[in-house]
Amino acid sequence: MRNKSLPIGLTRPEFDWGTRYLLFQLVFLPSILSLLLSRLIPGFNSAHLNFAYFTVNFLAVVWIFRSFLARSLHQIRERSVKILLYALGGFAAYQVLTFAMNLLTAWLMPDFFNVNDASIAVTTTQSFWLMAIGVAVLAPVTEELFYRALLFGTLHRRSRLLAYTASVLVFASIHISGYIGYYAWDHLLLCFAQYIPAGLVLAWTYEQSGSIFAPIAIHIAVNTIGISSMR
């Protein structure tokens, strides 16, 4: 694959702190927040925990990547049309690929359901608006900064193929990791496969537009549609 350089990259401190925080929030943050909420909000539920998780992650990554975001905002004035066109194209590509993947999974497993979507749907019954804000606004920004700006962008300097492969695999894995051991392996494998089109499209949109705000816009639109259907 021919290398196509990204116009804006992370600074060394952003890369270092971003990597450290990514590992921290995956391993330790849920337990820490659960302990804190149990003391602050007696009888807290999953919606409270998820919203706290989304909020802390959003604030942390915006602070860590503030220089990258500032430079990316300044860049919008120079390539706003290109960013918009690739965001629209990426969204359309996502819809087509996801439709095809859904047809395939339904054919392979007629009673299939996405375990992550099902979990979110249940949690929205506890507080729709907390989950809507978290899923549709906070999570897309956080995930794009982690999996596109940090992971894809860093690896892209060395190998375009490696950047696509690693970012897609990690992005898909993170959406099913919490369900391992609770569902059959073939069911989780199909859930994993459902996130591959999104991972590819978001990475491609970031690469082609040269702006992190293009995949963020797609991610927000997709999640907004998804969470709205659960109301």
Protein backbone atom coordinates (compact mmCIF):
# COMPACT_ATOMS: atom_id res chain seq x y z
CA MET A 1 0.00 0.00 0.00
CA ARG A 2 1.40 3.38 -1.01
CA ASN A 3 2.13 5.55 2.00
CA LYS A 4 0.06 8.73 2.32
CA SER A 5 1.40 10.98 5.07
CA LEU A 6 -0.97 12.59 7.55
CA PRO A 7 -0.67 16.40 7.74
CA ILE A 8 -0.99 16.62 11.53
CA GLY A 9 0.57 14.23 14.02
CA LEU A 10 0.80 13.93 17.78
CA THR A 11 3.56 15.53 19.77
CA ARG A 12 5.81 13.22 21.77
CA PRO A 13 4.15 14.15 25.12
CA GLU A 14 0.72 13.53 23.59
CA PHE A 15 1.81 10.10 22.38
CA ASP A 16 3.39 9.17 25.73
CA TRP A 17 0.53 10.37 27.92
CA GLY A 18 -2.09 9.11 25.50
CA THR A 19 -0.61 5.60 25.53
CA ARG A 20 -0.37 5.57 29.33
CA TYR A 21 -3.92 6.80 29.77
CA LEU A 22 -5.29 4.34 27.20
CA LEU A 23 -3.88 1.44 29.23
CA PHE A 24 -5.04 2.99 32.50
CA GLN A 25 -8.63 3.49 31.38
CA LEU A 26 -8.85 -0.03 29.99
CA VAL A 27 -7.45 -1.77 33.07
CA PHE A 28 -8.13 0.38 36.14
CA LEU A 29 -10.67 3.14 35.47
CA PRO A 30 -13.91 1.07 35.58
CA SER A 31 -13.04 -0.36 39.02
CA ILE A 32 -12.01 3.05 40.39
CA LEU A 33 -15.20 4.70 39.16
CA SER A 34 -17.34 1.87 40.52
CA LEU A 35 -15.77 2.31 43.96
CA LEU A 36 -16.21 6.08 43.91
CA LEU A 37 -19.82 5.95 42.72
CA SER A 38 -20.73 3.36 45.36
CA ARG A 39 -19.78 5.95 47.98
CA LEU A 40 -21.18 9.02 46.26
CA ILE A 41 -24.43 7.62 44.81
CA PRO A 42 -26.03 4.85 46.88
CA GLY A 43 -27.75 2.44 44.53
CA PHE A 44 -25.99 3.73 41.42
CA ASN A 45 -26.71 1.83 38.24
CA SER A 46 -24.94 0.92 35.01
CA ALA A 47 -26.05 4.14 33.31
CA HIS A 48 -24.34 6.20 36.02
CA LEU A 49 -21.16 4.13 35.74
CA ASN A 50 -21.09 4.31 31.94
CA PHE A 51 -21.71 8.05 31.90
CA ALA A 52 -18.95 8.63 34.46
CA TYR A 53 -16.61 6.47 32.36
CA PHE A 54 -17.46 8.32 29.16
CA THR A 55 -17.10 11.72 30.84
CA VAL A 56 -13.77 11.07 32.54
CA ASN A 57 -12.31 9.62 29.34
CA PHE A 58 -13.58 12.54 27.25
CA LEU A 59 -12.12 15.17 29.59
CA ALA A 60 -8.83 13.29 29.88
CA VAL A 61 -8.24 12.80 26.16
CA VAL A 62 -9.27 16.35 25.26
CA TRP A 63 -6.69 17.59 27.77
CA ILE A 64 -3.97 15.16 26.69
CA PHE A 65 -4.50 15.83 22.97
CA ARG A 66 -5.30 19.55 23.31
CA SER A 67 -2.42 20.65 21.08
CA PHE A 68 -3.37 18.14 18.38
CA LEU A 69 -7.01 19.23 18.55
CA ALA A 70 -6.09 22.92 18.39
CA ARG A 71 -3.98 22.37 15.29
CA SER A 72 -6.74 20.24 13.77
CA LEU A 73 -9.32 22.97 14.40
CA HIS A 74 -7.08 25.54 12.73
CA GLN A 75 -6.72 23.17 9.77
CA ILE A 76 -10.50 23.07 9.18
CA ARG A 77 -10.41 26.56 7.69
CA GLU A 78 -7.93 25.40 5.06
CA ARG A 79 -9.67 22.19 3.96
CA SER A 80 -13.28 22.42 5.15
CA VAL A 81 -14.77 21.25 1.82
CA LYS A 82 -12.44 18.26 1.60
CA ILE A 83 -13.18 17.26 5.19
CA LEU A 84 -16.93 17.53 4.61
CA LEU A 85 -16.84 15.53 1.38
CA TYR A 86 -14.80 12.70 2.90
CA ALA A 87 -17.02 12.66 5.98
CA LEU A 88 -20.11 12.29 3.78
CA GLY A 89 -18.39 9.69 1.58
CA GLY A 90 -17.18 7.74 4.60
CA PHE A 91 -20.64 7.77 6.16
CA ALA A 92 -22.17 6.44 2.93
CA ALA A 93 -19.48 3.74 2.67
CA TYR A 94 -20.12 2.75 6.28
CA GLN A 95 -23.83 2.32 5.63
CA VAL A 96 -23.24 0.13 2.57
CA LEU A 97 -20.59 -2.05 4.22
CA THR A 98 -22.56 -2.41 7.43
CA PHE A 99 -25.69 -3.41 5.51
CA ALA A 100 -23.71 -6.08 3.67
CA MET A 101 -22.15 -7.31 6.93
CA ASN A 102 -25.56 -7.49 8.60
CA LEU A 103 -26.90 -9.60 5.74
CA LEU A 104 -23.94 -11.94 6.07
CA THR A 105 -24.25 -12.34 9.85
CA ALA A 106 -28.01 -12.94 9.55
CA TRP A 107 -27.34 -15.66 6.98
CA LEU A 108 -24.64 -17.32 9.11
CA MET A 109 -26.57 -17.02 12.38
CA PRO A 110 -30.30 -16.23 11.98
CA ASP A 111 -30.79 -15.50 15.69
CA PHE A 112 -27.69 -13.27 15.88
CA PHE A 113 -27.61 -10.03 17.87
CA ASN A 114 -24.76 -7.68 18.65
CA VAL A 115 -23.93 -8.15 22.34
CA ASN A 116 -22.57 -4.62 22.79
CA ASP A 117 -25.66 -3.05 21.23
CA ALA A 118 -27.87 -5.25 23.40
CA SER A 119 -26.01 -4.17 26.53
CA ILE A 120 -26.36 -0.50 25.61
CA ALA A 121 -30.07 -0.97 24.89
CA VAL A 122 -30.62 -2.43 28.36
CA THR A 123 -28.64 0.37 30.01
CA THR A 124 -30.64 3.07 28.20
CA THR A 125 -33.73 1.88 30.11
CA GLN A 126 -32.04 3.12 33.29
CA SER A 127 -31.30 6.59 31.87
CA PHE A 128 -31.70 7.25 28.17
CA TRP A 129 -30.23 10.75 28.15
CA LEU A 130 -27.12 9.88 30.14
CA MET A 131 -26.40 7.04 27.74
CA ALA A 132 -27.31 9.14 24.70
CA ILE A 133 -24.82 11.86 25.62
CA GLY A 134 -22.16 9.33 26.44
CA VAL A 135 -22.60 7.10 23.40
CA ALA A 136 -23.41 9.76 20.78
CA VAL A 137 -21.07 12.58 21.83
CA LEU A 138 -18.41 11.67 24.40
CA ALA A 139 -17.41 8.17 23.26
CA PRO A 140 -16.89 9.02 19.55
CA VAL A 141 -14.42 11.79 20.36
CA THR A 142 -12.54 9.61 22.83
CA GLU A 143 -12.37 6.57 20.54
CA GLU A 144 -11.28 8.54 17.48
CA LEU A 145 -8.46 10.19 19.40
CA PHE A 146 -7.34 6.82 20.76
CA TYR A 147 -7.77 4.50 17.80
CA ARG A 148 -7.30 6.84 14.85
CA ALA A 149 -5.11 9.73 16.06
CA LEU A 150 -2.96 7.73 18.48
CA LEU A 151 -2.86 4.16 17.16
CA PHE A 152 -3.50 4.56 13.44
CA GLY A 153 -1.62 7.85 13.13
CA THR A 154 1.47 6.60 14.95
CA LEU A 155 1.71 3.30 13.05
CA HIS A 156 0.93 5.02 9.76
CA ARG A 157 4.36 6.67 9.78
CA ARG A 158 5.94 3.21 9.57
CA SER A 159 3.48 1.15 7.58
CA ARG A 160 0.11 1.97 6.12
CA LEU A 161 -0.87 -1.71 6.10
CA LEU A 162 0.14 -2.14 9.74
CA ALA A 163 -1.78 0.99 10.72
CA TYR A 164 -4.98 -0.25 9.12
CA THR A 165 -4.63 -3.80 10.42
CA ALA A 166 -3.77 -2.91 14.02
CA SER A 167 -6.29 -0.09 14.41
CA VAL A 168 -9.15 -2.16 12.97
CA LEU A 169 -8.34 -5.22 15.08
CA VAL A 170 -7.97 -3.23 18.30
CA PHE A 171 -11.11 -1.18 17.59
CA ALA A 172 -13.16 -4.33 16.99
CA SER A 173 -11.66 -6.18 19.95
CA ILE A 174 -12.37 -3.41 22.43
CA HIS A 175 -16.09 -3.61 21.66
CA ILE A 176 -16.36 -7.31 22.53
CA SER A 177 -13.65 -7.81 25.16
CA GLY A 178 -16.01 -7.29 28.08
CA TYR A 179 -18.29 -10.09 26.90
CA ILE A 180 -15.69 -12.86 26.56
CA GLY A 181 -16.73 -15.84 28.63
CA TYR A 182 -20.40 -14.85 28.62
CA TYR A 183 -21.23 -15.74 25.02
CA ALA A 184 -20.22 -18.48 22.62
CA TRP A 185 -17.04 -17.88 20.65
CA ASP A 186 -18.79 -17.98 17.26
CA HIS A 187 -21.29 -15.36 18.40
CA LEU A 188 -18.48 -13.07 19.60
CA LEU A 189 -16.56 -13.67 16.39
CA LEU A 190 -19.49 -12.37 14.36
CA CYS A 191 -19.80 -9.39 16.71
CA PHE A 192 -16.10 -8.74 16.16
CA ALA A 193 -16.60 -8.90 12.38
CA GLN A 194 -19.40 -6.34 12.56
CA TYR A 195 -16.94 -3.69 13.74
CA ILE A 196 -14.45 -4.26 10.92
CA PRO A 197 -16.29 -2.08 8.35
CA ALA A 198 -16.46 0.79 10.85
CA GLY A 199 -12.77 0.46 11.70
CA LEU A 200 -11.78 0.46 8.03
CA VAL A 201 -14.02 3.36 7.04
CA LEU A 202 -13.03 5.56 9.97
CA ALA A 203 -9.32 4.98 9.36
CA TRP A 204 -9.70 5.57 5.62
CA THR A 205 -11.67 8.78 6.21
CA TYR A 206 -9.03 10.05 8.60
CA GLU A 207 -6.25 9.27 6.15
CA GLN A 208 -7.93 10.73 3.08
CA SER A 209 -9.36 13.86 4.71
CA GLY A 210 -6.25 14.50 6.79
CA SER A 211 -8.46 15.64 9.69
CA ILE A 212 -9.54 13.78 12.82
CA PHE A 213 -12.82 15.69 12.73
CA ALA A 214 -14.02 13.76 9.65
CA PRO A 215 -14.09 10.34 11.41
CA ILE A 216 -15.37 12.00 14.59
CA ALA A 217 -18.33 13.38 12.62
CA ILE A 218 -19.08 9.95 11.10
CA HIS A 219 -18.77 8.23 14.47
CA ILE A 220 -21.13 10.74 16.12
CA ALA A 221 -23.68 10.36 13.30
CA VAL A 222 -23.59 6.55 13.41
CA ASN A 223 -23.87 6.38 17.20
CA THR A 224 -26.64 9.00 17.26
CA ILE A 225 -28.69 6.95 14.80
CA GLY A 226 -28.03 3.80 16.80
CA ILE A 227 -28.92 5.22 20.22
CA SER A 228 -32.01 6.98 18.85
CA SER A 229 -33.38 3.65 17.63
CA MET A 230 -33.20 2.34 21.21
CA ARG A 231 -35.49 4.96 22.68
